[in-house]
Structures are given as C-alpha cells and as structure tokens.
Amino acid sequence: MTNPSQDEIRSAQQQLQEQGLHHGRIDGVLGPETKQALGEFQKKNGLNETAILDQPTMDKLLGNTTGGSAGMGSRMPPTVYHGTGSTSNPQPANPPTSALGDHNAPKQ
C-alpha cells in the first residue's frame, strides 16, 4: 500500500491513539506525528520500521485477515437457535371451524 486513503489513515490513527502511540489529531493526514507513531508501532510489533502505512502495518494494526493471519477482523458465524417446544412455531390448538380461507373445504 503506497498511497493509503484518508479513511485508512484515520483508522490507523485511531488504532494508534487507542494504543497510546498517537497523540495528534485524527485527521487522515500522514504527517510527522502519525509517521512517528507508525514507526513506534512497527518497532513494538516486529515489523520493518518504515514509518509508512504499508500493507503489513495495516494488517497488524487493523487486524485484517488478508495474508492468512487471523485477527480482530475475522467474522464469527451467525448464531442459530434450534428451539424446542411450542415457542419455535406455535400452532393453534383447534383448527378453525369456518370455511373462510380454507382451500381444502368442499365447495358449496
């Protein structure tokens, strides 16, 4: 990633700020404070200290799962409820006695 978008830079700044590494404004600009924070983050996480928002840094910082590494961005499967008893699909106890709407009723 040689030219990150402002949104990507803002996301990175937010993450860096939450980790106590970025103390400037969240403005989407890759300025000196952001570059310094990126360098500190890269050093802390065993990455190449480039002080730029490259792909390995983005992956580690934002928890992206590209490249096969599991992270915070992984999706959980949806929760499925397999209910039992009358609450899962309640049916009336007695069928209606009226032929209105009953397509199986004999025609008159």
C-alpha atoms as a PDB file:
ATOM      1  CA  MET A   1       0.000   0.000   0.000  1.00  0.00           C
ATOM      2  CA  THR A   2       1.920   3.006  -1.236  1.00  0.00           C
ATOM      3  CA  ASN A   3      -0.860   5.603  -1.119  1.00  0.00           C
ATOM      4  CA  PRO A   4      -3.393   4.906   1.665  1.00  0.00           C
ATOM      5  CA  SER A   5      -6.737   6.728   1.585  1.00  0.00           C
ATOM      6  CA  GLN A   6      -7.693   9.329   4.178  1.00  0.00           C
ATOM      7  CA  ASP A   7     -10.135   6.841   5.707  1.00  0.00           C
ATOM      8  CA  GLU A   8      -7.378   4.230   6.054  1.00  0.00           C
ATOM      9  CA  ILE A   9      -5.075   6.802   7.648  1.00  0.00           C
ATOM     10  CA  ARG A  10      -7.858   7.877  10.039  1.00  0.00           C
ATOM     11  CA  SER A  11      -8.458   4.244  11.026  1.00  0.00           C
ATOM     12  CA  ALA A  12      -4.754   3.764  11.624  1.00  0.00           C
ATOM     13  CA  GLN A  13      -4.542   6.985  13.647  1.00  0.00           C
ATOM     14  CA  GLN A  14      -7.482   5.862  15.774  1.00  0.00           C
ATOM     15  CA  GLN A  15      -5.853   2.486  16.488  1.00  0.00           C
ATOM     16  CA  LEU A  16      -2.512   4.117  17.236  1.00  0.00           C
ATOM     17  CA  GLN A  17      -4.225   6.566  19.592  1.00  0.00           C
ATOM     18  CA  GLU A  18      -6.021   3.731  21.424  1.00  0.00           C
ATOM     19  CA  GLN A  19      -2.628   2.087  21.945  1.00  0.00           C
ATOM     20  CA  GLY A  20      -1.177   5.328  23.333  1.00  0.00           C
ATOM     21  CA  LEU A  21       1.192   5.851  20.392  1.00  0.00           C
ATOM     22  CA  HIS A  22      -0.525   8.708  18.536  1.00  0.00           C
ATOM     23  CA  HIS A  23      -1.224  11.963  20.364  1.00  0.00           C
ATOM     24  CA  GLY A  24      -2.217  14.205  17.466  1.00  0.00           C
ATOM     25  CA  ARG A  25      -5.491  14.833  15.695  1.00  0.00           C
ATOM     26  CA  ILE A  26      -7.376  12.097  13.856  1.00  0.00           C
ATOM     27  CA  ASP A  27      -7.319  13.949  10.541  1.00  0.00           C
ATOM     28  CA  GLY A  28      -6.488  11.403   7.834  1.00  0.00           C
ATOM     29  CA  VAL A  29      -3.160  13.098   7.109  1.00  0.00           C
ATOM     30  CA  LEU A  30       0.069  11.116   7.205  1.00  0.00           C
ATOM     31  CA  GLY A  31       2.024  13.846   8.980  1.00  0.00           C
ATOM     32  CA  PRO A  32       5.096  13.735  11.259  1.00  0.00           C
ATOM     33  CA  GLU A  33       3.164  12.688  14.398  1.00  0.00           C
ATOM     34  CA  THR A  34       1.433   9.850  12.573  1.00  0.00           C
ATOM     35  CA  LYS A  35       4.700   8.685  10.989  1.00  0.00           C
ATOM     36  CA  GLN A  36       6.401   8.688  14.387  1.00  0.00           C
ATOM     37  CA  ALA A  37       3.540   6.674  15.881  1.00  0.00           C
ATOM     38  CA  LEU A  38       3.691   4.228  12.947  1.00  0.00           C
ATOM     39  CA  GLY A  39       7.426   3.751  13.492  1.00  0.00           C
ATOM     40  CA  GLU A  40       6.865   3.040  17.193  1.00  0.00           C
ATOM     41  CA  PHE A  41       4.060   0.597  16.385  1.00  0.00           C
ATOM     42  CA  GLN A  42       6.205  -1.201  13.805  1.00  0.00           C
ATOM     43  CA  LYS A  43       9.118  -1.497  16.232  1.00  0.00           C
ATOM     44  CA  LYS A  44       6.841  -2.756  19.014  1.00  0.00           C
ATOM     45  CA  ASN A  45       5.316  -5.397  16.711  1.00  0.00           C
ATOM     46  CA  GLY A  46       8.457  -6.683  14.984  1.00  0.00           C
ATOM     47  CA  LEU A  47       7.663  -5.078  11.626  1.00  0.00           C
ATOM     48  CA  ASN A  48      10.042  -3.270   9.281  1.00  0.00           C
ATOM     49  CA  GLU A  49      10.390   0.255  10.687  1.00  0.00           C
ATOM     50  CA  THR A  50       9.385   2.240   7.615  1.00  0.00           C
ATOM     51  CA  ALA A  51       7.177   4.837   9.374  1.00  0.00           C
ATOM     52  CA  ILE A  52       4.738   4.500   6.485  1.00  0.00           C
ATOM     53  CA  LEU A  53       1.355   2.853   6.356  1.00  0.00           C
ATOM     54  CA  ASP A  54       2.338  -0.216   4.341  1.00  0.00           C
ATOM     55  CA  GLN A  55       0.249  -3.375   3.975  1.00  0.00           C
ATOM     56  CA  PRO A  56       1.911  -5.423   6.761  1.00  0.00           C
ATOM     57  CA  THR A  57       1.441  -2.496   9.149  1.00  0.00           C
ATOM     58  CA  MET A  58      -2.199  -2.051   8.148  1.00  0.00           C
ATOM     59  CA  ASP A  59      -2.833  -5.777   8.593  1.00  0.00           C
ATOM     60  CA  LYS A  60      -1.280  -5.833  12.054  1.00  0.00           C
ATOM     61  CA  LEU A  61      -2.761  -2.523  13.160  1.00  0.00           C
ATOM     62  CA  LEU A  62      -6.314  -3.040  11.943  1.00  0.00           C
ATOM     63  CA  GLY A  63      -6.496  -6.799  12.408  1.00  0.00           C
ATOM     64  CA  ASN A  64      -7.071  -7.539   8.717  1.00  0.00           C
ATOM     65  CA  THR A  65      -7.169 -11.233   7.882  1.00  0.00           C
ATOM     66  CA  THR A  66      -5.556 -10.908   4.449  1.00  0.00           C
ATOM     67  CA  GLY A  67      -2.417 -12.969   4.134  1.00  0.00           C
ATOM     68  CA  GLY A  68      -3.803 -15.841   6.183  1.00  0.00           C
ATOM     69  CA  SER A  69      -3.296 -14.295   9.614  1.00  0.00           C
ATOM     70  CA  ALA A  70      -6.265 -14.403  11.937  1.00  0.00           C
ATOM     71  CA  GLY A  71      -7.072 -11.185  13.698  1.00  0.00           C
ATOM     72  CA  MET A  72      -9.724  -8.981  15.182  1.00  0.00           C
ATOM     73  CA  GLY A  73     -11.397  -8.603  11.795  1.00  0.00           C
ATOM     74  CA  SER A  74     -12.367 -12.249  11.498  1.00  0.00           C
ATOM     75  CA  ARG A  75     -16.070 -12.882  11.215  1.00  0.00           C
ATOM     76  CA  MET A  76     -17.932 -15.161  13.551  1.00  0.00           C
ATOM     77  CA  PRO A  77     -20.559 -17.500  12.103  1.00  0.00           C
ATOM     78  CA  PRO A  78     -24.140 -16.442  12.780  1.00  0.00           C
ATOM     79  CA  THR A  79     -25.760 -17.813  15.883  1.00  0.00           C
ATOM     80  CA  VAL A  80     -28.528 -20.276  15.085  1.00  0.00           C
ATOM     81  CA  TYR A  81     -31.184 -21.053  17.646  1.00  0.00           C
ATOM     82  CA  HIS A  82     -32.714 -24.504  17.496  1.00  0.00           C
ATOM     83  CA  GLY A  83     -35.672 -24.040  19.791  1.00  0.00           C
ATOM     84  CA  THR A  84     -37.877 -26.833  21.013  1.00  0.00           C
ATOM     85  CA  GLY A  85     -41.429 -26.793  22.205  1.00  0.00           C
ATOM     86  CA  SER A  86     -44.371 -24.654  21.229  1.00  0.00           C
ATOM     87  CA  THR A  87     -42.432 -21.374  21.094  1.00  0.00           C
ATOM     88  CA  SER A  88     -40.499 -22.190  17.922  1.00  0.00           C
ATOM     89  CA  ASN A  89     -43.574 -22.339  15.649  1.00  0.00           C
ATOM     90  CA  PRO A  90     -46.815 -22.099  17.599  1.00  0.00           C
ATOM     91  CA  GLN A  91     -49.898 -23.669  16.022  1.00  0.00           C
ATOM     92  CA  PRO A  92     -53.487 -23.144  17.138  1.00  0.00           C
ATOM     93  CA  ALA A  93     -54.773 -25.896  19.394  1.00  0.00           C
ATOM     94  CA  ASN A  94     -58.037 -26.282  17.483  1.00  0.00           C
ATOM     95  CA  PRO A  95     -58.311 -25.700  13.744  1.00  0.00           C
ATOM     96  CA  PRO A  96     -60.791 -23.018  12.705  1.00  0.00           C
ATOM     97  CA  THR A  97     -64.321 -24.265  12.017  1.00  0.00           C
ATOM     98  CA  SER A  98     -65.089 -21.632   9.384  1.00  0.00           C
ATOM     99  CA  ALA A  99     -64.567 -22.498   5.710  1.00  0.00           C
ATOM    100  CA  LEU A 100     -63.403 -18.951   5.002  1.00  0.00           C
ATOM    101  CA  GLY A 101     -59.892 -19.101   3.680  1.00  0.00           C
ATOM    102  CA  ASP A 102     -59.820 -22.893   3.895  1.00  0.00           C
ATOM    103  CA  HIS A 103     -58.969 -24.061   0.400  1.00  0.00           C
ATOM    104  CA  ASN A 104     -59.449 -27.693   1.317  1.00  0.00           C
ATOM    105  CA  ALA A 105     -63.076 -27.214   2.325  1.00  0.00           C
ATOM    106  CA  PRO A 106     -65.689 -28.732  -0.035  1.00  0.00           C
ATOM    107  CA  LYS A 107     -67.219 -26.238  -2.433  1.00  0.00           C
ATOM    108  CA  GLN A 108     -70.822 -25.366  -1.812  1.00  0.00           C
END
